[in-house]
C-alpha atoms as a PDB file:
ATOM      1  CA  MET A   1      22.572-144.664  42.246  1.00  0.00           C
ATOM      2  CA  THR A   2      21.454-147.087  40.023  1.00  0.00           C
ATOM      3  CA  GLN A   3      21.163-150.700  39.384  1.00  0.00           C
ATOM      4  CA  SER A   4      24.899-151.550  39.244  1.00  0.00           C
ATOM      5  CA  PRO A   5      26.472-152.839  42.373  1.00  0.00           C
ATOM      6  CA  PRO A   6      29.702-151.488  41.364  1.00  0.00           C
ATOM      7  CA  LEU A   7      28.066-148.293  41.109  1.00  0.00           C
ATOM      8  CA  ALA A   8      26.221-149.149  44.758  1.00  0.00           C
ATOM      9  CA  GLY A   9      29.790-149.567  46.042  1.00  0.00           C
ATOM     10  CA  ALA A  10      31.477-146.509  44.163  1.00  0.00           C
ATOM     11  CA  PHE A  11      28.812-144.161  46.148  1.00  0.00           C
ATOM     12  CA  ASP A  12      29.079-145.935  49.304  1.00  0.00           C
ATOM     13  CA  GLU A  13      32.629-145.288  49.216  1.00  0.00           C
ATOM     14  CA  LEU A  14      32.041-141.401  48.747  1.00  0.00           C
ATOM     15  CA  ALA A  15      29.011-141.149  50.974  1.00  0.00           C
ATOM     16  CA  ASP A  16      31.054-139.536  54.150  1.00  0.00           C
ATOM     17  CA  SER A  17      33.149-137.324  51.660  1.00  0.00           C
ATOM     18  CA  TYR A  18      30.588-136.532  49.072  1.00  0.00           C
ATOM     19  CA  ASP A  19      30.511-132.871  47.672  1.00  0.00           C
ATOM     20  CA  HIS A  20      27.117-131.955  49.667  1.00  0.00           C
ATOM     21  CA  ARG A  21      27.646-128.148  49.055  1.00  0.00           C
ATOM     22  CA  HIS A  22      27.433-128.630  45.298  1.00  0.00           C
ATOM     23  CA  HIS A  23      24.744-131.073  45.581  1.00  0.00           C
ATOM     24  CA  GLU A  24      22.730-129.183  47.901  1.00  0.00           C
ATOM     25  CA  GLU A  25      22.503-126.106  45.010  1.00  0.00           C
ATOM     26  CA  ILE A  26      21.492-128.254  42.435  1.00  0.00           C
ATOM     27  CA  ALA A  27      18.852-129.449  44.215  1.00  0.00           C
ATOM     28  CA  ARG A  28      18.033-125.689  45.099  1.00  0.00           C
ATOM     29  CA  VAL A  29      18.140-125.028  41.874  1.00  0.00           C
ATOM     30  CA  LEU A  30      16.240-127.964  40.330  1.00  0.00           C
ATOM     31  CA  ILE A  31      13.181-127.479  42.649  1.00  0.00           C
ATOM     32  CA  ALA A  32      12.877-123.866  41.613  1.00  0.00           C
ATOM     33  CA  TRP A  33      12.986-124.725  38.016  1.00  0.00           C
ATOM     34  CA  VAL A  34      10.210-127.465  38.585  1.00  0.00           C
ATOM     35  CA  ALA A  35       8.446-125.975  41.291  1.00  0.00           C
ATOM     36  CA  PRO A  36       6.519-129.049  42.747  1.00  0.00           C
ATOM     37  CA  GLY A  37       3.031-128.066  44.249  1.00  0.00           C
ATOM     38  CA  ALA A  38       3.038-128.160  48.386  1.00  0.00           C
ATOM     39  CA  GLU A  39       1.090-131.262  48.307  1.00  0.00           C
ATOM     40  CA  ASP A  40       2.466-132.958  45.110  1.00  0.00           C
ATOM     41  CA  VAL A  41       2.854-136.760  45.385  1.00  0.00           C
ATOM     42  CA  VAL A  42       6.823-136.555  44.852  1.00  0.00           C
ATOM     43  CA  ALA A  43       9.787-139.070  44.008  1.00  0.00           C
ATOM     44  CA  ASP A  44      13.633-137.873  44.537  1.00  0.00           C
ATOM     45  CA  VAL A  45      15.053-140.645  42.175  1.00  0.00           C
ATOM     46  CA  ALA A  46      18.618-141.798  42.624  1.00  0.00           C
ATOM     47  CA  CYS A  47      18.523-139.324  45.968  1.00  0.00           C
ATOM     48  CA  GLY A  48      21.717-140.000  46.732  1.00  0.00           C
ATOM     49  CA  ALA A  49      21.969-138.060  50.505  1.00  0.00           C
ATOM     50  CA  GLY A  50      18.649-136.938  49.891  1.00  0.00           C
ATOM     51  CA  ALA A  51      19.377-133.012  48.680  1.00  0.00           C
ATOM     52  CA  VAL A  52      16.125-132.669  47.020  1.00  0.00           C
ATOM     53  CA  ALA A  53      14.068-134.350  49.474  1.00  0.00           C
ATOM     54  CA  ARG A  54      15.449-132.453  52.370  1.00  0.00           C
ATOM     55  CA  GLN A  55      14.915-129.605  50.867  1.00  0.00           C
ATOM     56  CA  LEU A  56      11.690-130.012  49.231  1.00  0.00           C
ATOM     57  CA  VAL A  57      10.195-130.912  52.823  1.00  0.00           C
ATOM     58  CA  GLN A  58      10.617-128.017  54.257  1.00  0.00           C
ATOM     59  CA  GLY A  59       7.497-125.445  54.192  1.00  0.00           C
ATOM     60  CA  ARG A  60       5.404-128.615  53.467  1.00  0.00           C
ATOM     61  CA  PRO A  61       2.440-129.174  54.979  1.00  0.00           C
ATOM     62  CA  ASP A  62       1.798-131.902  57.604  1.00  0.00           C
ATOM     63  CA  SER A  63      -1.111-132.927  55.271  1.00  0.00           C
ATOM     64  CA  ALA A  64       1.424-133.722  52.538  1.00  0.00           C
ATOM     65  CA  PRO A  65       2.353-136.975  51.321  1.00  0.00           C
ATOM     66  CA  SER A  66       5.963-138.200  52.286  1.00  0.00           C
ATOM     67  CA  ILE A  67       8.594-137.764  49.743  1.00  0.00           C
ATOM     68  CA  LEU A  68       9.801-141.111  48.361  1.00  0.00           C
ATOM     69  CA  ALA A  69      13.855-140.912  48.396  1.00  0.00           C
ATOM     70  CA  VAL A  70      15.211-144.001  46.932  1.00  0.00           C
ATOM     71  CA  ASP A  71      18.797-144.711  45.863  1.00  0.00           C
ATOM     72  CA  LEU A  72      20.973-148.364  45.463  1.00  0.00           C
ATOM     73  CA  SER A  73      23.837-147.023  47.545  1.00  0.00           C
ATOM     74  CA  PRO A  74      22.769-147.764  51.447  1.00  0.00           C
ATOM     75  CA  GLY A  75      25.704-145.584  52.548  1.00  0.00           C
ATOM     76  CA  MET A  76      24.421-142.866  50.373  1.00  0.00           C
ATOM     77  CA  VAL A  77      20.911-143.141  52.242  1.00  0.00           C
ATOM     78  CA  ALA A  78      22.353-143.591  55.846  1.00  0.00           C
ATOM     79  CA  VAL A  79      24.081-140.014  55.115  1.00  0.00           C
ATOM     80  CA  GLY A  80      20.656-138.388  54.005  1.00  0.00           C
ATOM     81  CA  ARG A  81      19.056-139.911  56.718  1.00  0.00           C
ATOM     82  CA  ASP A  82      21.245-138.178  59.445  1.00  0.00           C
ATOM     83  CA  ARG A  83      21.418-135.140  57.549  1.00  0.00           C
ATOM     84  CA  ALA A  84      17.503-135.098  57.805  1.00  0.00           C
ATOM     85  CA  ALA A  85      17.513-135.627  61.650  1.00  0.00           C
ATOM     86  CA  GLY A  86      15.679-133.085  63.200  1.00  0.00           C
ATOM     87  CA  LEU A  87      12.875-132.766  60.848  1.00  0.00           C
ATOM     88  CA  GLU A  88       9.804-131.670  62.396  1.00  0.00           C
ATOM     89  CA  ARG A  89       7.972-134.486  60.882  1.00  0.00           C
ATOM     90  CA  GLU A  90      10.026-137.547  60.938  1.00  0.00           C
ATOM     91  CA  THR A  91       8.029-139.563  58.191  1.00  0.00           C
ATOM     92  CA  ALA A  92       8.212-136.278  55.831  1.00  0.00           C
ATOM     93  CA  ILE A  93      10.648-138.763  53.777  1.00  0.00           C
ATOM     94  CA  ASP A  94      10.174-141.971  52.874  1.00  0.00           C
ATOM     95  CA  TRP A  95      13.954-143.269  52.532  1.00  0.00           C
ATOM     96  CA  ARG A  96      14.084-146.535  50.666  1.00  0.00           C
ATOM     97  CA  VAL A  97      17.332-148.307  49.539  1.00  0.00           C
ATOM     98  CA  ALA A  98      16.177-149.655  46.278  1.00  0.00           C
ATOM     99  CA  ASP A  99      17.031-149.865  42.579  1.00  0.00           C
ATOM    100  CA  ALA A 100      16.022-146.107  41.099  1.00  0.00           C
ATOM    101  CA  VAL A 101      14.756-148.270  37.875  1.00  0.00           C
ATOM    102  CA  PRO A 102      11.819-149.060  37.925  1.00  0.00           C
ATOM    103  CA  LEU A 103      10.745-146.839  40.816  1.00  0.00           C
ATOM    104  CA  PRO A 104       8.732-149.178  43.887  1.00  0.00           C
ATOM    105  CA  VAL A 105       5.521-147.082  42.925  1.00  0.00           C
ATOM    106  CA  ALA A 106       2.395-147.719  41.224  1.00  0.00           C
ATOM    107  CA  GLU A 107       1.472-147.014  37.725  1.00  0.00           C
ATOM    108  CA  ARG A 108       0.447-143.210  37.237  1.00  0.00           C
ATOM    109  CA  SER A 109       0.925-142.537  41.170  1.00  0.00           C
ATOM    110  CA  LEU A 110       3.538-139.361  41.112  1.00  0.00           C
ATOM    111  CA  ASP A 111       2.747-135.959  40.476  1.00  0.00           C
ATOM    112  CA  VAL A 112       6.708-135.054  39.855  1.00  0.00           C
ATOM    113  CA  VAL A 113       9.801-136.958  39.486  1.00  0.00           C
ATOM    114  CA  LEU A 114      13.439-135.268  40.338  1.00  0.00           C
ATOM    115  CA  CYS A 115      16.606-136.546  39.478  1.00  0.00           C
ATOM    116  CA  ALA A 116      19.384-134.515  40.475  1.00  0.00           C
ATOM    117  CA  SER A 117      22.920-135.508  39.388  1.00  0.00           C
ATOM    118  CA  SER A 118      21.941-138.978  38.581  1.00  0.00           C
ATOM    119  CA  LEU A 119      20.460-139.649  35.306  1.00  0.00           C
ATOM    120  CA  HIS A 120      23.837-140.276  33.099  1.00  0.00           C
ATOM    121  CA  PHE A 121      24.133-143.336  35.333  1.00  0.00           C
ATOM    122  CA  LEU A 122      20.559-144.437  35.621  1.00  0.00           C
ATOM    123  CA  GLY A 123      20.089-144.543  31.472  1.00  0.00           C
ATOM    124  CA  ARG A 124      16.975-143.814  29.188  1.00  0.00           C
ATOM    125  CA  ARG A 125      14.989-146.612  30.560  1.00  0.00           C
ATOM    126  CA  ALA A 126      14.675-144.163  33.635  1.00  0.00           C
ATOM    127  CA  LEU A 127      12.465-141.832  31.331  1.00  0.00           C
ATOM    128  CA  ALA A 128      10.379-144.437  30.326  1.00  0.00           C
ATOM    129  CA  ASP A 129       9.844-145.640  33.743  1.00  0.00           C
ATOM    130  CA  TRP A 130       9.015-142.064  34.931  1.00  0.00           C
ATOM    131  CA  ARG A 131       6.332-141.968  32.222  1.00  0.00           C
ATOM    132  CA  ARG A 132       4.784-145.052  33.574  1.00  0.00           C
ATOM    133  CA  ALA A 133       4.809-143.847  37.341  1.00  0.00           C
ATOM    134  CA  LEU A 134       3.471-140.102  36.666  1.00  0.00           C
ATOM    135  CA  ARG A 135       0.259-139.197  36.130  1.00  0.00           C
ATOM    136  CA  PRO A 136      -1.198-137.682  32.632  1.00  0.00           C
ATOM    137  CA  GLY A 137       0.212-134.126  33.091  1.00  0.00           C
ATOM    138  CA  GLY A 138       2.775-134.981  36.035  1.00  0.00           C
ATOM    139  CA  ARG A 139       6.267-133.270  35.399  1.00  0.00           C
ATOM    140  CA  VAL A 140       9.677-134.384  35.600  1.00  0.00           C
ATOM    141  CA  GLY A 141      12.913-132.584  36.286  1.00  0.00           C
ATOM    142  CA  PHE A 142      16.418-133.498  35.756  1.00  0.00           C
ATOM    143  CA  THR A 143      20.104-132.298  35.378  1.00  0.00           C
ATOM    144  CA  LEU A 144      22.825-133.387  33.552  1.00  0.00           C
ATOM    145  CA  PRO A 145      26.454-132.244  33.241  1.00  0.00           C
ATOM    146  CA  LEU A 146      27.226-130.039  30.605  1.00  0.00           C
ATOM    147  CA  ALA A 147      29.178-132.143  28.029  1.00  0.00           C
ATOM    148  CA  THR A 148      32.060-129.470  27.764  1.00  0.00           C
ATOM    149  CA  HIS A 149      32.635-129.376  31.420  1.00  0.00           C
ATOM    150  CA  PHE A 150      32.054-132.861  32.515  1.00  0.00           C
ATOM    151  CA  ARG A 151      35.582-134.685  33.989  1.00  0.00           C
ATOM    152  CA  PRO A 152      34.606-137.737  35.715  1.00  0.00           C
ATOM    153  CA  SER A 153      37.323-139.862  36.676  1.00  0.00           C
ATOM    154  CA  GLU A 154      38.339-143.102  34.953  1.00  0.00           C
ATOM    155  CA  ARG A 155      36.089-145.436  37.646  1.00  0.00           C
ATOM    156  CA  PHE A 156      33.299-143.616  37.062  1.00  0.00           C
ATOM    157  CA  THR A 157      33.306-142.912  33.380  1.00  0.00           C
ATOM    158  CA  GLY A 158      32.966-146.911  33.112  1.00  0.00           C
ATOM    159  CA  LEU A 159      29.926-146.493  34.745  1.00  0.00           C
ATOM    160  CA  LEU A 160      27.957-143.990  32.769  1.00  0.00           C
ATOM    161  CA  ALA A 161      24.945-144.585  30.897  1.00  0.00           C
ATOM    162  CA  ARG A 162      25.976-144.938  27.077  1.00  0.00           C
ATOM    163  CA  ASP A 163      22.451-144.335  25.898  1.00  0.00           C
ATOM    164  CA  VAL A 164      22.030-140.658  27.847  1.00  0.00           C
ATOM    165  CA  PRO A 165      23.641-137.980  25.745  1.00  0.00           C
ATOM    166  CA  LEU A 166      25.447-135.248  27.741  1.00  0.00           C
ATOM    167  CA  PRO A 167      24.145-132.035  25.979  1.00  0.00           C
ATOM    168  CA  HIS A 168      26.211-129.179  24.791  1.00  0.00           C
ATOM    169  CA  THR A 169      23.513-126.727  24.979  1.00  0.00           C
ATOM    170  CA  ALA A 170      20.146-126.351  26.936  1.00  0.00           C
ATOM    171  CA  GLN A 171      18.178-126.863  23.820  1.00  0.00           C
ATOM    172  CA  GLU A 172      20.147-130.354  23.258  1.00  0.00           C
ATOM    173  CA  ALA A 173      18.540-131.677  26.948  1.00  0.00           C
ATOM    174  CA  SER A 174      15.091-130.312  25.832  1.00  0.00           C
ATOM    175  CA  ARG A 175      15.064-132.198  22.346  1.00  0.00           C
ATOM    176  CA  TRP A 176      16.233-135.388  23.736  1.00  0.00           C
ATOM    177  CA  ALA A 177      13.429-134.994  26.714  1.00  0.00           C
ATOM    178  CA  THR A 178      10.729-134.618  24.293  1.00  0.00           C
ATOM    179  CA  ALA A 179      12.440-137.717  21.874  1.00  0.00           C
ATOM    180  CA  CYS A 180      12.140-139.848  24.990  1.00  0.00           C
ATOM    181  CA  GLY A 181       7.924-139.106  25.024  1.00  0.00           C
ATOM    182  CA  PHE A 182       7.694-135.793  27.390  1.00  0.00           C
ATOM    183  CA  VAL A 183       6.496-132.785  26.023  1.00  0.00           C
ATOM    184  CA  GLU A 184       6.650-128.839  26.937  1.00  0.00           C
ATOM    185  CA  ALA A 185      10.271-129.445  27.764  1.00  0.00           C
ATOM    186  CA  GLU A 186      12.434-126.431  29.028  1.00  0.00           C
ATOM    187  CA  SER A 187      16.114-126.147  29.986  1.00  0.00           C
ATOM    188  CA  ARG A 188      18.729-123.813  31.196  1.00  0.00           C
ATOM    189  CA  VAL A 189      22.564-124.080  31.729  1.00  0.00           C
ATOM    190  CA  HIS A 190      23.109-123.102  35.604  1.00  0.00           C
ATOM    191  CA  VAL A 191      26.726-122.510  36.440  1.00  0.00           C
ATOM    192  CA  VAL A 192      28.122-123.794  39.954  1.00  0.00           C
ATOM    193  CA  GLY A 193      31.643-122.621  40.376  1.00  0.00           C
ATOM    194  CA  THR A 194      33.745-124.440  37.401  1.00  0.00           C
ATOM    195  CA  ARG A 195      30.851-126.495  36.880  1.00  0.00           C
ATOM    196  CA  ARG A 196      27.983-126.498  34.404  1.00  0.00           C
ATOM    197  CA  VAL A 197      25.067-128.563  34.782  1.00  0.00           C
ATOM    198  CA  VAL A 198      21.894-128.410  32.361  1.00  0.00           C
ATOM    199  CA  VAL A 199      18.592-128.153  34.187  1.00  0.00           C
ATOM    200  CA  THR A 200      15.298-129.617  32.433  1.00  0.00           C
ATOM    201  CA  SER A 201      11.778-129.848  33.103  1.00  0.00           C
ATOM    202  CA  ALA A 202       9.163-131.695  30.863  1.00  0.00           C
ATOM    203  CA  THR A 203       5.572-132.908  31.498  1.00  0.00           C
ATOM    204  CA  ARG A 204       4.079-136.220  30.792  1.00  0.00           C
ATOM    205  CA  PRO A 205       1.549-135.914  28.187  1.00  0.00           C
ATOM    206  CA  ASP A 206      -1.884-137.220  28.464  1.00  0.00           C
ATOM    207  CA  GLY A 207      -2.751-140.746  26.770  1.00  0.00           C
ATOM    208  CA  ARG A 208       0.284-142.335  26.976  1.00  0.00           C
END
């Protein structure tokens, strides 16, 4: 889900056996925490099978712009397209197989950036790119695994971004978002079975 071919290959291999139930729940919580507007211009970054985009598109008016769903893994995007089959408006999601950083959008063109279960692979540079892509006052929402409950496989441990500190508390996640140039950061810990994730929302300040 990031710019490394080994990571794309790893997620391609997982595409058919991915834990969709877990990620659908994370997407639901993230959307509720950020609460994008019905006509906001939204990107689902490193979307995987598009859990965020597919949930968010439900109930949006026909006049709403397409949700950009971008991921480096062709396999995950293909699964997302299949799972989105039957949507009332086929163009409601703009699926892209592409690098998540930088996003394939113009500067200050987005109202909301959402990134579920992927930022710890993308690296801190993703937040700098989100500031570029968001309009002043635009919002970002992301999730990170709680450090005390994260047990990646050896393969995925080697693919983690070293400049994204996994938070031990919600407060740590908010402080990190602030240190990366955002304001009004708010975070909470969400429990999903035996897993714990930190859900964060923040705002792009004016003038940056």
